[in-house]
Amino acid sequence: MIPQVQQRSIEELIDRNLTVHHRPIAEIVDRFQNTVIVRALALNDGNITKTAKLLQAHRSTLVHWMEKYGLRGDTAEGEEL
């Protein structure tokens, strides 16, 4: 059992910093994953291959995630989903 003081601190942290009160964990994970992918794509100028390497994921996995969240990379460099 989590001590009462510690439990309250965890709840306050979630409420304040993550604004996830009363949200399913899957929604929280999806939002976090989407944010990470968007930022990683921005760091790599939309290059899917470089972004996959940065995230230590297979390119096909990144493409799957991008399709899931409706994201697009920079296809001007000849890269296609």
C-alpha atoms as a PDB file:
ATOM      1  CA  MET A   1       0.000   0.000   0.000  1.00  0.00           C
ATOM      2  CA  ILE A   2       1.249   3.487  -0.856  1.00  0.00           C
ATOM      3  CA  PRO A   3       1.510   5.793   2.161  1.00  0.00           C
ATOM      4  CA  GLN A   4      -1.169   8.499   2.201  1.00  0.00           C
ATOM      5  CA  VAL A   5       1.289  11.404   1.848  1.00  0.00           C
ATOM      6  CA  GLN A   6       3.068   9.776  -1.081  1.00  0.00           C
ATOM      7  CA  GLN A   7      -0.220   8.919  -2.797  1.00  0.00           C
ATOM      8  CA  ARG A   8      -1.395  12.528  -2.549  1.00  0.00           C
ATOM      9  CA  SER A   9       1.912  13.764  -4.019  1.00  0.00           C
ATOM     10  CA  ILE A  10       1.577  11.423  -6.993  1.00  0.00           C
ATOM     11  CA  GLU A  11      -1.980  12.582  -7.649  1.00  0.00           C
ATOM     12  CA  GLU A  12      -0.937  16.245  -7.408  1.00  0.00           C
ATOM     13  CA  LEU A  13       1.933  15.654  -9.834  1.00  0.00           C
ATOM     14  CA  ILE A  14      -0.374  14.044 -12.347  1.00  0.00           C
ATOM     15  CA  ASP A  15      -3.020  16.742 -11.987  1.00  0.00           C
ATOM     16  CA  ARG A  16      -0.588  19.669 -12.188  1.00  0.00           C
ATOM     17  CA  ASN A  17       2.034  18.626 -14.668  1.00  0.00           C
ATOM     18  CA  LEU A  18       0.396  16.106 -16.944  1.00  0.00           C
ATOM     19  CA  THR A  19      -3.215  17.303 -16.880  1.00  0.00           C
ATOM     20  CA  VAL A  20      -4.399  13.722 -17.136  1.00  0.00           C
ATOM     21  CA  HIS A  21      -6.926  13.604 -14.320  1.00  0.00           C
ATOM     22  CA  HIS A  22      -9.615  11.025 -15.122  1.00  0.00           C
ATOM     23  CA  ARG A  23      -8.064   9.978 -18.443  1.00  0.00           C
ATOM     24  CA  PRO A  24      -7.326   6.395 -19.438  1.00  0.00           C
ATOM     25  CA  ILE A  25      -3.649   5.416 -19.412  1.00  0.00           C
ATOM     26  CA  ALA A  26      -3.799   4.521 -23.126  1.00  0.00           C
ATOM     27  CA  GLU A  27      -4.780   8.107 -23.963  1.00  0.00           C
ATOM     28  CA  ILE A  28      -1.909   9.456 -21.865  1.00  0.00           C
ATOM     29  CA  VAL A  29       0.587   7.143 -23.579  1.00  0.00           C
ATOM     30  CA  ASP A  30      -0.750   8.066 -27.038  1.00  0.00           C
ATOM     31  CA  ARG A  31      -0.429  11.786 -26.330  1.00  0.00           C
ATOM     32  CA  PHE A  32       3.101  11.341 -25.033  1.00  0.00           C
ATOM     33  CA  GLN A  33       4.138   9.168 -27.989  1.00  0.00           C
ATOM     34  CA  ASN A  34       2.638  11.633 -30.467  1.00  0.00           C
ATOM     35  CA  THR A  35       4.523  14.535 -28.846  1.00  0.00           C
ATOM     36  CA  VAL A  36       7.829  12.652 -28.892  1.00  0.00           C
ATOM     37  CA  ILE A  37       7.422  11.720 -32.555  1.00  0.00           C
ATOM     38  CA  VAL A  38       6.490  15.266 -33.596  1.00  0.00           C
ATOM     39  CA  ARG A  39       9.506  16.708 -31.764  1.00  0.00           C
ATOM     40  CA  ALA A  40      11.859  14.055 -33.149  1.00  0.00           C
ATOM     41  CA  LEU A  41      10.619  14.718 -36.695  1.00  0.00           C
ATOM     42  CA  ALA A  42      11.182  18.438 -36.177  1.00  0.00           C
ATOM     43  CA  LEU A  43      14.736  17.820 -34.942  1.00  0.00           C
ATOM     44  CA  ASN A  44      15.419  15.851 -38.123  1.00  0.00           C
ATOM     45  CA  ASP A  45      13.700  18.249 -40.539  1.00  0.00           C
ATOM     46  CA  GLY A  46      10.985  15.659 -41.182  1.00  0.00           C
ATOM     47  CA  ASN A  47      13.438  12.978 -42.305  1.00  0.00           C
ATOM     48  CA  ILE A  48      11.781   9.675 -41.428  1.00  0.00           C
ATOM     49  CA  THR A  49      14.910   7.522 -41.593  1.00  0.00           C
ATOM     50  CA  LYS A  50      16.909   9.835 -39.313  1.00  0.00           C
ATOM     51  CA  THR A  51      13.974  10.152 -36.930  1.00  0.00           C
ATOM     52  CA  ALA A  52      13.608   6.368 -36.684  1.00  0.00           C
ATOM     53  CA  LYS A  53      17.314   6.101 -35.831  1.00  0.00           C
ATOM     54  CA  LEU A  54      16.976   8.815 -33.190  1.00  0.00           C
ATOM     55  CA  LEU A  55      14.023   6.987 -31.624  1.00  0.00           C
ATOM     56  CA  GLN A  56      15.865   3.659 -31.941  1.00  0.00           C
ATOM     57  CA  ALA A  57      12.935   2.191 -33.838  1.00  0.00           C
ATOM     58  CA  HIS A  58      12.634   0.457 -37.177  1.00  0.00           C
ATOM     59  CA  ARG A  59      11.628   2.810 -39.944  1.00  0.00           C
ATOM     60  CA  SER A  60       8.491   0.733 -40.608  1.00  0.00           C
ATOM     61  CA  THR A  61       7.491   1.075 -36.943  1.00  0.00           C
ATOM     62  CA  LEU A  62       7.861   4.858 -37.113  1.00  0.00           C
ATOM     63  CA  VAL A  63       5.783   4.927 -40.294  1.00  0.00           C
ATOM     64  CA  HIS A  64       3.090   2.900 -38.510  1.00  0.00           C
ATOM     65  CA  TRP A  65       3.096   5.363 -35.596  1.00  0.00           C
ATOM     66  CA  MET A  66       2.967   8.314 -37.978  1.00  0.00           C
ATOM     67  CA  GLU A  67      -0.034   6.836 -39.777  1.00  0.00           C
ATOM     68  CA  LYS A  68      -1.703   6.187 -36.408  1.00  0.00           C
ATOM     69  CA  TYR A  69      -1.371   9.870 -35.461  1.00  0.00           C
ATOM     70  CA  GLY A  70      -1.903  11.323 -38.939  1.00  0.00           C
ATOM     71  CA  LEU A  71       1.653  12.679 -39.142  1.00  0.00           C
ATOM     72  CA  ARG A  72       3.740  13.221 -42.265  1.00  0.00           C
ATOM     73  CA  GLY A  73       7.476  13.536 -42.722  1.00  0.00           C
ATOM     74  CA  ASP A  74       9.281  15.686 -45.252  1.00  0.00           C
ATOM     75  CA  THR A  75       8.737  13.832 -48.508  1.00  0.00           C
ATOM     76  CA  ALA A  76      10.649  16.534 -50.419  1.00  0.00           C
ATOM     77  CA  GLU A  77      13.841  14.584 -49.736  1.00  0.00           C
ATOM     78  CA  GLY A  78      12.517  11.601 -51.659  1.00  0.00           C
ATOM     79  CA  GLU A  79      11.352   9.758 -48.559  1.00  0.00           C
ATOM     80  CA  GLU A  80       7.908   8.319 -48.712  1.00  0.00           C
ATOM     81  CA  LEU A  81       5.810   6.742 -46.025  1.00  0.00           C
END
